[in-house]
N, C-alpha and C. Protein backbone atom coordinates (compact mmCIF):
# COMPACT_ATOMS: atom_id res chain seq x y z
N MET A 1 9.09 84.95 -35.50
CA MET A 1 9.01 85.51 -36.92
C MET A 1 8.74 87.04 -36.95
N ALA A 2 7.85 87.43 -35.93
CA ALA A 2 7.56 88.82 -35.89
C ALA A 2 8.86 89.62 -35.47
N VAL A 3 9.53 89.19 -34.60
CA VAL A 3 10.73 89.91 -34.06
C VAL A 3 11.76 90.02 -35.23
N LEU A 4 11.96 89.01 -35.96
CA LEU A 4 12.81 89.03 -37.09
C LEU A 4 12.36 90.04 -38.01
N ARG A 5 11.05 90.12 -38.36
CA ARG A 5 10.58 91.16 -39.41
C ARG A 5 10.84 92.64 -38.73
N THR A 6 10.70 92.73 -37.46
CA THR A 6 10.86 94.00 -36.85
C THR A 6 12.35 94.45 -36.91
N LEU A 7 13.28 93.42 -36.67
CA LEU A 7 14.81 93.75 -36.76
C LEU A 7 15.11 94.19 -38.20
N VAL A 8 14.55 93.38 -39.20
CA VAL A 8 14.86 93.72 -40.59
C VAL A 8 14.40 95.03 -40.93
N GLY A 9 13.21 95.38 -40.53
CA GLY A 9 12.63 96.67 -40.77
C GLY A 9 13.37 97.81 -40.31
N LEU A 10 13.93 97.69 -39.03
CA LEU A 10 14.68 98.59 -38.36
C LEU A 10 16.06 98.90 -39.00
N ALA A 11 16.66 97.69 -39.47
CA ALA A 11 17.92 97.86 -40.15
C ALA A 11 17.74 98.54 -41.52
N ALA A 12 16.68 98.18 -42.24
CA ALA A 12 16.40 98.93 -43.56
C ALA A 12 16.13 100.31 -43.39
N THR A 13 15.37 100.56 -42.36
CA THR A 13 15.09 102.09 -41.96
C THR A 13 16.42 102.92 -41.68
N ALA A 14 17.21 102.19 -40.85
CA ALA A 14 18.52 102.90 -40.58
C ALA A 14 19.44 103.16 -41.75
N LEU A 15 19.39 102.18 -42.77
CA LEU A 15 20.11 102.28 -43.98
C LEU A 15 19.54 103.39 -44.78
N LEU A 16 18.23 103.51 -44.93
CA LEU A 16 17.71 104.56 -45.73
C LEU A 16 18.05 105.99 -45.18
N ILE A 17 17.84 106.00 -43.79
CA ILE A 17 18.23 107.33 -43.19
C ILE A 17 19.75 107.65 -43.33
N GLN A 18 20.64 106.78 -43.30
CA GLN A 18 22.08 106.91 -43.55
C GLN A 18 22.21 107.45 -44.92
N LEU A 19 21.52 106.73 -45.95
CA LEU A 19 21.74 107.25 -47.35
C LEU A 19 21.12 108.66 -47.44
N ALA A 20 20.03 108.84 -46.85
CA ALA A 20 19.41 110.18 -46.91
C ALA A 20 20.15 111.33 -46.45
N MET A 21 21.02 110.95 -45.27
CA MET A 21 21.89 111.81 -44.75
C MET A 21 23.25 111.87 -45.32
N ALA A 22 23.49 111.08 -46.24
CA ALA A 22 24.75 111.14 -46.89
C ALA A 22 24.98 112.48 -47.68
N ALA A 23 26.15 113.06 -47.52
CA ALA A 23 26.52 114.40 -48.12
C ALA A 23 27.39 114.23 -49.35
N ASN A 24 27.15 115.11 -50.40
CA ASN A 24 28.12 115.09 -51.56
C ASN A 24 28.97 116.40 -51.42
N TYR A 25 30.20 116.11 -51.32
CA TYR A 25 31.16 117.42 -51.37
C TYR A 25 31.89 117.52 -52.59
N THR A 26 31.63 118.67 -53.22
CA THR A 26 32.51 119.05 -54.39
C THR A 26 33.77 119.60 -54.06
N VAL A 27 34.85 118.95 -54.33
CA VAL A 27 36.14 119.32 -53.78
C VAL A 27 36.47 120.78 -54.33
N GLY A 28 36.77 121.62 -53.40
CA GLY A 28 37.10 123.08 -53.71
C GLY A 28 35.85 123.95 -53.72
N GLY A 29 34.70 123.49 -53.83
CA GLY A 29 33.37 124.21 -53.96
C GLY A 29 33.12 124.88 -52.69
N PRO A 30 32.14 125.82 -52.75
CA PRO A 30 31.39 126.03 -54.08
C PRO A 30 32.04 127.19 -54.89
N ASN A 31 33.11 127.82 -54.52
CA ASN A 31 33.86 128.73 -55.29
C ASN A 31 34.97 128.27 -56.05
N GLY A 32 35.40 127.08 -55.80
CA GLY A 32 36.53 126.68 -56.61
C GLY A 32 36.29 125.21 -57.01
N SER A 33 37.33 124.56 -57.43
CA SER A 33 37.27 123.23 -57.93
C SER A 33 38.68 122.49 -57.79
N TRP A 34 38.81 121.38 -58.41
CA TRP A 34 39.96 120.59 -58.31
C TRP A 34 40.96 121.15 -59.30
N ASP A 35 41.67 122.37 -58.80
CA ASP A 35 42.72 123.03 -59.70
C ASP A 35 43.76 123.63 -58.77
N SER A 36 44.69 124.15 -59.36
CA SER A 36 45.91 124.75 -58.63
C SER A 36 45.65 126.11 -58.07
N SER A 37 44.62 126.71 -58.38
CA SER A 37 44.21 128.01 -57.97
C SER A 37 43.34 128.06 -56.65
N THR A 38 42.87 127.01 -56.34
CA THR A 38 41.88 126.87 -55.20
C THR A 38 42.77 126.52 -53.97
N ASP A 39 42.41 127.06 -52.82
CA ASP A 39 43.13 126.82 -51.49
C ASP A 39 42.42 125.38 -50.98
N LEU A 40 42.90 124.39 -51.55
CA LEU A 40 42.32 122.98 -51.14
C LEU A 40 42.39 122.64 -49.61
N GLN A 41 43.51 123.13 -49.13
CA GLN A 41 43.69 122.74 -47.63
C GLN A 41 42.82 123.45 -46.72
N THR A 42 42.43 124.71 -46.99
CA THR A 42 41.43 125.39 -46.25
C THR A 42 40.12 124.77 -46.39
N TRP A 43 39.85 124.32 -47.71
CA TRP A 43 38.55 123.70 -47.93
C TRP A 43 38.43 122.39 -47.16
N VAL A 44 39.46 121.54 -47.05
CA VAL A 44 39.38 120.31 -46.42
C VAL A 44 39.11 120.50 -44.87
N ALA A 45 39.95 121.59 -44.40
CA ALA A 45 39.80 121.74 -42.91
C ALA A 45 38.54 122.23 -42.45
N ALA A 46 37.71 122.75 -43.43
CA ALA A 46 36.30 123.30 -43.10
C ALA A 46 35.20 122.21 -43.16
N GLN A 47 35.70 120.94 -43.66
CA GLN A 47 34.62 119.99 -43.81
C GLN A 47 34.71 118.95 -42.85
N LYS A 48 33.64 118.15 -42.68
CA LYS A 48 33.59 116.91 -41.84
C LYS A 48 33.08 115.75 -42.60
N PHE A 49 33.91 114.85 -42.88
CA PHE A 49 33.48 113.63 -43.71
C PHE A 49 33.08 112.47 -42.93
N GLU A 50 32.04 111.88 -43.33
CA GLU A 50 31.63 110.67 -42.59
C GLU A 50 31.43 109.51 -43.58
N VAL A 51 31.35 108.34 -43.09
CA VAL A 51 31.01 107.09 -43.91
C VAL A 51 29.75 107.41 -44.62
N GLY A 52 29.62 107.03 -45.89
CA GLY A 52 28.40 107.22 -46.58
C GLY A 52 28.63 108.64 -47.52
N ASP A 53 29.33 109.51 -47.17
CA ASP A 53 29.63 110.83 -48.09
C ASP A 53 30.26 110.35 -49.39
N ASN A 54 30.19 111.28 -50.20
CA ASN A 54 30.89 111.23 -51.60
C ASN A 54 31.73 112.53 -51.86
N LEU A 55 32.86 112.18 -52.44
CA LEU A 55 33.64 113.26 -52.82
C LEU A 55 33.51 113.48 -54.30
N ILE A 56 33.35 114.69 -54.74
CA ILE A 56 33.17 114.86 -56.22
C ILE A 56 34.29 115.76 -56.79
N PHE A 57 35.08 115.24 -57.62
CA PHE A 57 36.15 116.03 -58.17
C PHE A 57 35.79 116.44 -59.55
N GLN A 58 35.84 117.76 -59.80
CA GLN A 58 35.39 118.29 -61.08
C GLN A 58 36.64 119.13 -61.59
N TYR A 59 37.05 118.68 -62.75
CA TYR A 59 38.36 119.30 -63.20
C TYR A 59 38.43 119.28 -64.76
N LEU A 60 39.39 120.19 -65.26
CA LEU A 60 39.52 120.20 -66.72
C LEU A 60 40.51 119.13 -67.21
N PRO A 61 40.57 118.93 -68.40
CA PRO A 61 41.43 117.71 -68.98
C PRO A 61 42.89 117.81 -68.70
N ASN A 62 43.40 118.95 -68.28
CA ASN A 62 44.73 118.94 -67.98
C ASN A 62 45.09 118.51 -66.51
N HIS A 63 44.02 118.14 -65.81
CA HIS A 63 44.23 117.55 -64.48
C HIS A 63 43.73 116.15 -64.41
N ASP A 64 43.98 115.39 -63.36
CA ASP A 64 43.51 114.11 -63.05
C ASP A 64 43.55 113.87 -61.54
N VAL A 65 42.92 112.75 -61.10
CA VAL A 65 42.91 112.38 -59.68
C VAL A 65 43.64 111.12 -59.41
N LEU A 66 44.64 111.09 -58.49
CA LEU A 66 45.27 109.87 -58.18
C LEU A 66 45.01 109.71 -56.68
N GLU A 67 44.62 108.45 -56.34
CA GLU A 67 44.71 108.07 -54.86
C GLU A 67 45.98 107.35 -54.64
N VAL A 68 46.70 107.90 -53.58
CA VAL A 68 48.03 107.38 -53.27
C VAL A 68 48.18 106.99 -51.83
N SER A 69 49.31 106.47 -51.49
CA SER A 69 49.66 106.15 -50.08
C SER A 69 50.12 107.30 -49.38
N LYS A 70 50.21 107.22 -48.04
CA LYS A 70 50.68 108.47 -47.35
C LYS A 70 52.06 108.75 -47.65
N PRO A 71 53.09 107.97 -47.84
CA PRO A 71 54.43 108.35 -48.25
C PRO A 71 54.43 109.10 -49.59
N ASP A 72 53.61 108.50 -50.55
CA ASP A 72 53.62 109.18 -51.97
C ASP A 72 52.85 110.54 -51.78
N TYR A 73 51.91 110.60 -50.91
CA TYR A 73 51.27 111.96 -50.77
C TYR A 73 52.18 113.00 -50.16
N ASP A 74 53.05 112.58 -49.29
CA ASP A 74 53.85 113.50 -48.61
C ASP A 74 55.08 113.89 -49.61
N ASN A 75 55.35 113.01 -50.53
CA ASN A 75 56.48 113.32 -51.50
C ASN A 75 56.05 113.65 -52.90
N CYS A 76 54.67 113.67 -53.14
CA CYS A 76 53.97 113.88 -54.41
C CYS A 76 54.56 112.95 -55.50
N GLN A 77 54.57 111.73 -55.02
CA GLN A 77 55.07 110.68 -56.02
C GLN A 77 53.81 110.14 -56.75
N THR A 78 53.89 110.13 -58.11
CA THR A 78 52.83 109.76 -58.92
C THR A 78 52.86 108.35 -59.67
N SER A 79 54.09 107.69 -59.34
CA SER A 79 54.56 106.46 -60.00
C SER A 79 53.69 105.25 -59.66
N SER A 80 53.24 105.19 -58.52
CA SER A 80 52.53 104.00 -58.03
C SER A 80 51.16 104.28 -57.42
N PRO A 81 50.19 104.88 -58.18
CA PRO A 81 48.91 105.14 -57.46
C PRO A 81 48.19 103.93 -57.14
N ILE A 82 47.31 104.17 -56.07
CA ILE A 82 46.32 103.09 -55.84
C ILE A 82 45.15 103.07 -56.80
N GLN A 83 44.59 104.09 -57.22
CA GLN A 83 43.51 104.33 -58.32
C GLN A 83 43.93 105.64 -59.15
N THR A 84 43.59 105.70 -60.42
CA THR A 84 43.69 106.92 -61.14
C THR A 84 42.36 107.06 -61.97
N HIS A 85 41.98 108.33 -61.91
CA HIS A 85 40.72 108.83 -62.57
C HIS A 85 41.13 110.07 -63.46
N ASN A 86 40.53 110.17 -64.62
CA ASN A 86 40.80 111.20 -65.47
C ASN A 86 39.49 111.56 -66.24
N ASP A 87 38.31 111.26 -65.72
CA ASP A 87 37.07 111.49 -66.52
C ASP A 87 36.49 112.86 -66.44
N GLY A 88 37.13 113.82 -65.60
CA GLY A 88 36.63 115.17 -65.47
C GLY A 88 35.62 115.39 -64.41
N ASN A 89 34.94 114.26 -63.99
CA ASN A 89 33.89 114.36 -62.93
C ASN A 89 33.92 113.12 -62.12
N THR A 90 34.84 112.88 -61.27
CA THR A 90 35.12 111.77 -60.55
C THR A 90 34.30 111.78 -59.22
N VAL A 91 33.64 110.73 -58.98
CA VAL A 91 32.98 110.50 -57.59
C VAL A 91 33.66 109.37 -56.92
N ILE A 92 34.07 109.78 -55.67
CA ILE A 92 34.74 108.90 -54.78
C ILE A 92 33.79 108.66 -53.55
N PRO A 93 33.31 107.44 -53.48
CA PRO A 93 32.56 107.20 -52.19
C PRO A 93 33.33 106.91 -51.01
N LEU A 94 32.99 107.41 -49.90
CA LEU A 94 33.69 107.16 -48.68
C LEU A 94 33.11 106.11 -47.88
N THR A 95 33.48 104.84 -48.06
CA THR A 95 32.81 103.76 -47.59
C THR A 95 33.32 103.20 -46.29
N ALA A 96 34.32 103.72 -45.69
CA ALA A 96 34.97 103.23 -44.50
C ALA A 96 35.58 104.33 -43.73
N PRO A 97 35.64 104.28 -42.35
CA PRO A 97 36.46 105.30 -41.71
C PRO A 97 37.98 105.15 -41.93
N GLY A 98 38.63 106.35 -41.88
CA GLY A 98 40.07 106.30 -41.94
C GLY A 98 40.55 107.39 -42.86
N LYS A 99 41.87 107.38 -43.21
CA LYS A 99 42.34 108.47 -44.03
C LYS A 99 42.61 108.01 -45.35
N ARG A 100 42.45 108.86 -46.34
CA ARG A 100 42.76 108.62 -47.81
C ARG A 100 43.42 109.86 -48.38
N TYR A 101 44.29 109.60 -49.48
CA TYR A 101 45.13 110.65 -49.98
C TYR A 101 44.91 110.77 -51.54
N PHE A 102 44.79 112.07 -51.93
CA PHE A 102 44.56 112.26 -53.26
C PHE A 102 45.38 113.41 -53.75
N ILE A 103 45.98 113.21 -54.93
CA ILE A 103 46.87 114.22 -55.53
C ILE A 103 46.68 114.31 -57.02
N CYS A 104 47.00 115.41 -57.62
CA CYS A 104 46.93 115.57 -59.17
C CYS A 104 48.27 114.89 -59.60
N GLY A 105 48.07 114.13 -60.85
CA GLY A 105 49.20 113.37 -61.40
C GLY A 105 49.85 114.26 -62.43
N THR A 106 49.38 115.43 -62.82
CA THR A 106 50.04 116.26 -63.76
C THR A 106 51.37 116.74 -63.02
N MET A 107 52.51 116.77 -63.82
CA MET A 107 53.74 117.24 -63.26
C MET A 107 53.61 118.62 -62.63
N GLY A 108 54.14 118.67 -61.45
CA GLY A 108 54.31 119.88 -60.74
C GLY A 108 53.04 120.36 -60.06
N HIS A 109 51.80 119.66 -60.34
CA HIS A 109 50.64 120.30 -59.78
C HIS A 109 50.45 119.94 -58.20
N CYS A 110 50.82 118.72 -57.95
CA CYS A 110 50.93 118.33 -56.45
C CYS A 110 51.74 119.31 -55.75
N ASP A 111 52.91 119.70 -56.12
CA ASP A 111 53.81 120.59 -55.47
C ASP A 111 53.10 122.06 -55.37
N GLN A 112 52.29 122.27 -56.22
CA GLN A 112 51.49 123.55 -56.20
C GLN A 112 50.29 123.57 -55.23
N GLY A 113 49.94 122.48 -54.72
CA GLY A 113 48.98 122.35 -53.69
C GLY A 113 47.78 121.51 -54.00
N MET A 114 47.80 120.87 -55.33
CA MET A 114 46.76 119.96 -55.68
C MET A 114 46.85 118.67 -55.02
N LYS A 115 46.59 118.68 -53.59
CA LYS A 115 46.65 117.39 -53.02
C LYS A 115 45.66 117.63 -51.70
N ILE A 116 45.00 116.65 -51.28
CA ILE A 116 44.11 116.68 -50.14
C ILE A 116 44.24 115.37 -49.37
N GLU A 117 44.09 115.51 -48.00
CA GLU A 117 44.03 114.34 -47.09
C GLU A 117 42.67 114.30 -46.57
N ILE A 118 41.84 113.36 -46.85
CA ILE A 118 40.49 113.16 -46.48
C ILE A 118 40.53 112.17 -45.22
N ASP A 119 39.94 112.65 -44.07
CA ASP A 119 39.88 111.91 -42.85
C ASP A 119 38.34 111.63 -42.57
N THR A 120 37.95 110.34 -42.98
CA THR A 120 36.55 109.97 -42.85
C THR A 120 36.34 109.38 -41.56
N LEU A 121 35.28 109.86 -40.92
CA LEU A 121 34.74 109.37 -39.56
C LEU A 121 33.66 108.45 -39.74
N ALA A 122 33.54 107.71 -38.68
CA ALA A 122 32.37 106.72 -38.66
C ALA A 122 31.11 107.52 -38.61
N SER A 123 30.12 106.90 -39.18
CA SER A 123 28.72 107.57 -39.32
C SER A 123 28.24 107.92 -37.88
N SER A 124 27.72 109.05 -37.87
CA SER A 124 27.15 109.51 -36.51
C SER A 124 25.66 109.09 -36.33
N THR A 125 25.08 108.47 -37.34
CA THR A 125 23.70 107.82 -37.18
C THR A 125 23.67 106.67 -36.24
N PRO A 126 22.92 106.87 -35.20
CA PRO A 126 22.91 105.81 -34.16
C PRO A 126 22.27 104.52 -34.81
N PRO A 127 22.66 103.50 -34.37
CA PRO A 127 22.20 102.17 -34.91
C PRO A 127 20.72 101.97 -34.13
N PRO A 128 19.86 101.31 -34.80
CA PRO A 128 18.60 101.11 -34.27
C PRO A 128 18.61 100.36 -32.98
N THR A 129 17.93 100.83 -32.02
CA THR A 129 17.95 100.18 -30.64
C THR A 129 16.80 99.21 -30.59
N THR A 130 16.97 98.07 -29.93
CA THR A 130 15.94 97.17 -29.61
C THR A 130 15.93 96.90 -28.23
N SER A 131 14.64 96.85 -27.71
CA SER A 131 14.53 96.64 -26.23
C SER A 131 14.94 95.23 -25.89
N PRO A 132 15.76 95.16 -24.89
CA PRO A 132 16.25 93.76 -24.52
C PRO A 132 15.16 92.87 -24.08
N SER A 133 15.34 91.77 -24.52
CA SER A 133 14.27 90.76 -24.10
C SER A 133 14.29 90.52 -22.62
N THR A 134 13.12 90.36 -22.11
CA THR A 134 12.94 90.26 -20.59
C THR A 134 12.96 88.70 -20.45
N PRO A 135 13.97 88.36 -19.63
CA PRO A 135 13.99 86.91 -19.35
C PRO A 135 12.73 86.37 -18.59
N ALA A 136 12.34 85.21 -18.88
CA ALA A 136 11.08 84.71 -18.25
C ALA A 136 11.40 84.40 -16.69
N PRO A 137 10.49 84.85 -15.94
CA PRO A 137 10.80 84.65 -14.52
C PRO A 137 10.75 83.05 -14.10
N LYS A 138 11.77 82.76 -13.34
CA LYS A 138 11.92 81.51 -12.80
C LYS A 138 10.62 81.11 -11.94
N SER A 139 10.13 79.81 -12.28
CA SER A 139 8.96 79.44 -11.66
C SER A 139 9.30 78.87 -10.28
N SER A 140 8.75 79.24 -9.15
CA SER A 140 9.04 78.69 -8.03
C SER A 140 8.41 77.33 -7.79
N PRO A 141 9.23 76.46 -7.13
CA PRO A 141 8.49 75.14 -7.01
C PRO A 141 7.12 75.10 -6.26
N SER A 142 6.26 74.37 -6.92
CA SER A 142 4.89 74.38 -6.34
C SER A 142 4.75 73.50 -5.09
N PRO A 143 3.89 73.89 -4.23
CA PRO A 143 3.75 73.24 -2.89
C PRO A 143 3.67 71.66 -3.22
N ALA A 144 3.04 71.22 -4.28
CA ALA A 144 2.78 69.83 -4.49
C ALA A 144 4.07 69.12 -4.76
N ASN A 145 5.04 69.87 -5.41
CA ASN A 145 6.31 69.24 -5.85
C ASN A 145 7.33 69.32 -4.67
N SER A 146 7.20 70.37 -3.82
CA SER A 146 8.20 70.54 -2.84
C SER A 146 8.02 69.47 -1.67
N PRO A 147 9.23 68.90 -1.30
CA PRO A 147 9.18 68.01 -0.24
C PRO A 147 8.81 68.45 1.17
N GLU A 148 7.77 67.77 1.79
CA GLU A 148 7.31 68.20 3.03
C GLU A 148 8.08 67.40 4.09
N PRO A 149 8.49 68.05 5.19
CA PRO A 149 9.07 67.30 6.32
C PRO A 149 8.25 66.32 6.92
N THR A 150 8.71 65.09 7.07
CA THR A 150 7.96 64.00 7.71
C THR A 150 7.93 64.07 9.21
N PRO A 151 6.84 64.34 9.84
CA PRO A 151 6.77 64.30 11.41
C PRO A 151 7.30 62.96 11.98
N ASP A 152 7.90 63.28 13.17
CA ASP A 152 8.13 61.90 13.88
C ASP A 152 7.05 61.24 14.54
N VAL A 153 6.53 60.29 13.97
CA VAL A 153 5.30 59.60 14.45
C VAL A 153 5.83 58.32 15.22
N PRO A 154 5.35 58.38 16.57
CA PRO A 154 5.90 57.22 17.29
C PRO A 154 5.23 56.01 16.76
N SER A 155 5.92 54.81 16.77
CA SER A 155 5.39 53.53 16.29
C SER A 155 4.31 53.03 17.10
N SER A 156 3.12 52.59 16.42
CA SER A 156 2.04 52.17 17.20
C SER A 156 2.10 50.80 17.54
N SER A 157 3.02 50.09 17.27
CA SER A 157 3.10 48.67 17.62
C SER A 157 3.98 48.70 18.98
N PRO A 158 3.56 48.01 20.02
CA PRO A 158 4.43 48.01 21.19
C PRO A 158 5.48 47.02 21.00
N ASP A 159 6.49 47.31 21.99
CA ASP A 159 7.70 46.58 21.88
C ASP A 159 7.50 45.14 22.26
N VAL A 160 7.89 44.20 21.54
CA VAL A 160 7.60 42.72 21.81
C VAL A 160 8.89 42.28 22.41
N PRO A 161 8.74 41.76 23.71
CA PRO A 161 9.85 41.22 24.36
C PRO A 161 10.46 40.06 23.55
N SER A 162 11.83 39.91 23.65
CA SER A 162 12.40 38.85 22.84
C SER A 162 12.27 37.52 23.60
N THR A 163 11.90 36.52 22.73
CA THR A 163 11.62 35.13 23.18
C THR A 163 12.91 34.38 23.36
N GLU A 164 14.02 34.86 23.10
CA GLU A 164 15.43 34.39 23.16
C GLU A 164 15.68 34.31 24.62
N SER A 165 16.17 33.02 25.07
CA SER A 165 16.55 32.71 26.37
C SER A 165 17.77 33.49 26.77
N PRO A 166 17.96 33.84 28.13
CA PRO A 166 19.09 34.56 28.41
C PRO A 166 20.42 33.94 28.19
N GLY A 167 20.40 32.54 28.09
CA GLY A 167 21.64 31.85 27.87
C GLY A 167 22.07 31.73 26.37
N THR A 168 21.06 32.07 25.69
CA THR A 168 21.39 31.97 24.18
C THR A 168 22.41 32.94 23.67
N SER A 169 23.48 32.54 23.11
CA SER A 169 24.50 33.40 22.68
C SER A 169 24.15 33.94 21.21
N PRO A 170 24.46 35.08 20.92
CA PRO A 170 24.01 35.68 19.50
C PRO A 170 24.66 34.82 18.51
N SER A 171 23.98 34.71 17.42
CA SER A 171 24.58 33.96 16.27
C SER A 171 25.61 34.69 15.60
N PRO A 172 26.55 33.84 14.96
CA PRO A 172 27.77 34.29 14.43
C PRO A 172 27.41 35.37 13.32
N SER A 173 28.33 36.30 12.97
CA SER A 173 28.05 37.34 11.96
C SER A 173 27.89 36.75 10.72
N GLY A 174 26.79 37.23 9.95
CA GLY A 174 26.45 36.78 8.61
C GLY A 174 25.51 35.52 8.67
N ILE A 175 25.26 34.91 9.88
CA ILE A 175 24.30 33.88 9.72
C ILE A 175 23.25 34.01 10.81
N SER A 176 22.03 34.10 10.16
CA SER A 176 20.85 34.39 10.89
C SER A 176 20.39 33.14 11.57
N SER A 177 20.05 33.24 12.96
CA SER A 177 19.64 32.14 13.76
C SER A 177 18.01 31.88 13.40
N PRO A 178 17.81 30.64 13.45
CA PRO A 178 16.26 30.28 13.04
C PRO A 178 15.43 30.77 14.05
N PRO A 179 14.14 31.05 13.59
CA PRO A 179 13.25 31.69 14.60
C PRO A 179 12.85 30.67 15.64
N PRO A 180 12.49 31.15 16.84
CA PRO A 180 12.07 30.23 18.08
C PRO A 180 10.82 29.54 17.73
N PRO A 181 10.70 28.20 18.07
CA PRO A 181 9.42 27.48 17.77
C PRO A 181 8.30 28.12 18.59
N SER A 182 7.09 28.18 17.96
CA SER A 182 5.80 28.73 18.54
C SER A 182 5.39 27.87 19.69
N SER A 183 4.53 28.38 20.50
CA SER A 183 4.12 27.72 21.89
C SER A 183 3.19 26.50 21.45
N ALA A 184 2.47 26.53 20.13
CA ALA A 184 1.62 25.36 19.86
C ALA A 184 2.59 24.22 19.39
N TYR A 185 3.75 24.68 18.62
CA TYR A 185 4.63 23.61 18.19
C TYR A 185 5.27 23.02 19.48
N ARG A 186 5.63 23.77 20.47
CA ARG A 186 6.37 23.22 21.63
C ARG A 186 5.36 22.31 22.44
N ALA A 187 4.12 22.62 22.55
CA ALA A 187 3.18 21.77 23.28
C ALA A 187 2.98 20.40 22.55
N SER A 188 2.95 20.35 21.30
CA SER A 188 2.79 19.17 20.57
C SER A 188 4.03 18.28 20.74
N PHE A 189 5.04 18.93 20.68
CA PHE A 189 6.38 18.25 20.85
C PHE A 189 6.36 17.46 22.15
N GLN A 190 6.14 18.13 23.20
CA GLN A 190 6.02 17.68 24.69
C GLN A 190 5.04 16.44 24.74
N THR A 191 3.92 16.66 24.24
CA THR A 191 2.92 15.51 24.13
C THR A 191 3.39 14.28 23.44
N SER A 192 4.14 14.49 22.28
CA SER A 192 4.62 13.33 21.70
C SER A 192 5.83 12.53 22.50
N LEU A 193 6.68 13.40 23.25
CA LEU A 193 7.54 12.96 24.16
C LEU A 193 6.96 11.98 25.22
N THR A 194 5.91 12.49 25.71
CA THR A 194 5.07 11.80 26.89
C THR A 194 4.54 10.56 26.51
N LEU A 195 4.00 10.43 25.26
CA LEU A 195 3.39 9.31 24.86
C LEU A 195 4.38 8.32 24.48
N ALA A 196 5.55 8.75 24.01
CA ALA A 196 6.62 7.66 23.62
C ALA A 196 7.27 7.15 24.80
N PHE A 197 7.67 7.97 25.72
CA PHE A 197 8.41 7.45 26.89
C PHE A 197 7.58 7.01 28.06
N GLY A 198 6.38 7.27 28.05
CA GLY A 198 5.52 6.71 29.20
C GLY A 198 5.51 5.41 29.38
N PRO A 199 5.18 4.49 28.44
CA PRO A 199 5.31 3.01 28.68
C PRO A 199 6.63 2.53 29.18
N VAL A 200 7.75 3.20 28.55
CA VAL A 200 8.99 2.77 28.94
C VAL A 200 9.30 3.04 30.39
N LEU A 201 8.86 4.15 30.93
CA LEU A 201 8.96 4.43 32.36
C LEU A 201 8.14 3.55 33.20
N MET A 202 7.12 3.12 32.79
CA MET A 202 6.22 2.24 33.61
C MET A 202 6.96 0.80 33.63
N VAL A 203 7.49 0.40 32.51
CA VAL A 203 8.14 -0.88 32.59
C VAL A 203 9.30 -0.87 33.47
N LEU A 204 10.07 0.28 33.49
CA LEU A 204 11.29 0.41 34.28
C LEU A 204 10.95 0.42 35.79
N LEU A 205 9.69 1.08 36.14
CA LEU A 205 9.26 1.15 37.45
C LEU A 205 8.70 -0.25 37.98
N ALA A 206 8.32 -1.04 37.14
CA ALA A 206 7.76 -2.37 37.41
C ALA A 206 8.94 -3.35 37.76
N LEU A 207 10.00 -3.14 37.23
CA LEU A 207 11.13 -4.06 37.42
C LEU A 207 11.71 -3.95 38.89
């Protein structure tokens, strides 16, 4: 909000400065006016018009002011003016850069030299400058967030020799072989076989 207020203040200040610097040009002045006896072309050549300036036409009732196109200006044609003024004290604000053309509409006066070409330049008042905003510095990743390389730590568990017998073939792909029986389970199984087949062997030996 503070930045916006500053920009608005600068723009308003620049506008006030431009208005204060705007010049009023009395056509043909200070020794002449909008008439056929004033060397209007010499007067125009000595002026420098900028956006914001004003042209002031002061003339008698036998004159008027017509704003016309470039072809009508060159040929002193009065039949299709852009604007017509006949109040005796006409103020023309120069609101945009470019060329504008004015002639007197009274018959024969344009041919006698009552015509001016106004070349308006862009205002020389520099626009208000604002300091460019400084981009926020990019924050570097903190040590806590940056990945740390994991050191190669040798496994603490010793290699356990496989209990698989040499003759055992590897299990088919996709089918995991059951784990080998533990030594306690194997001893129990052998004891059961001895108790079951012991009497049978004794009978067979007795025969």
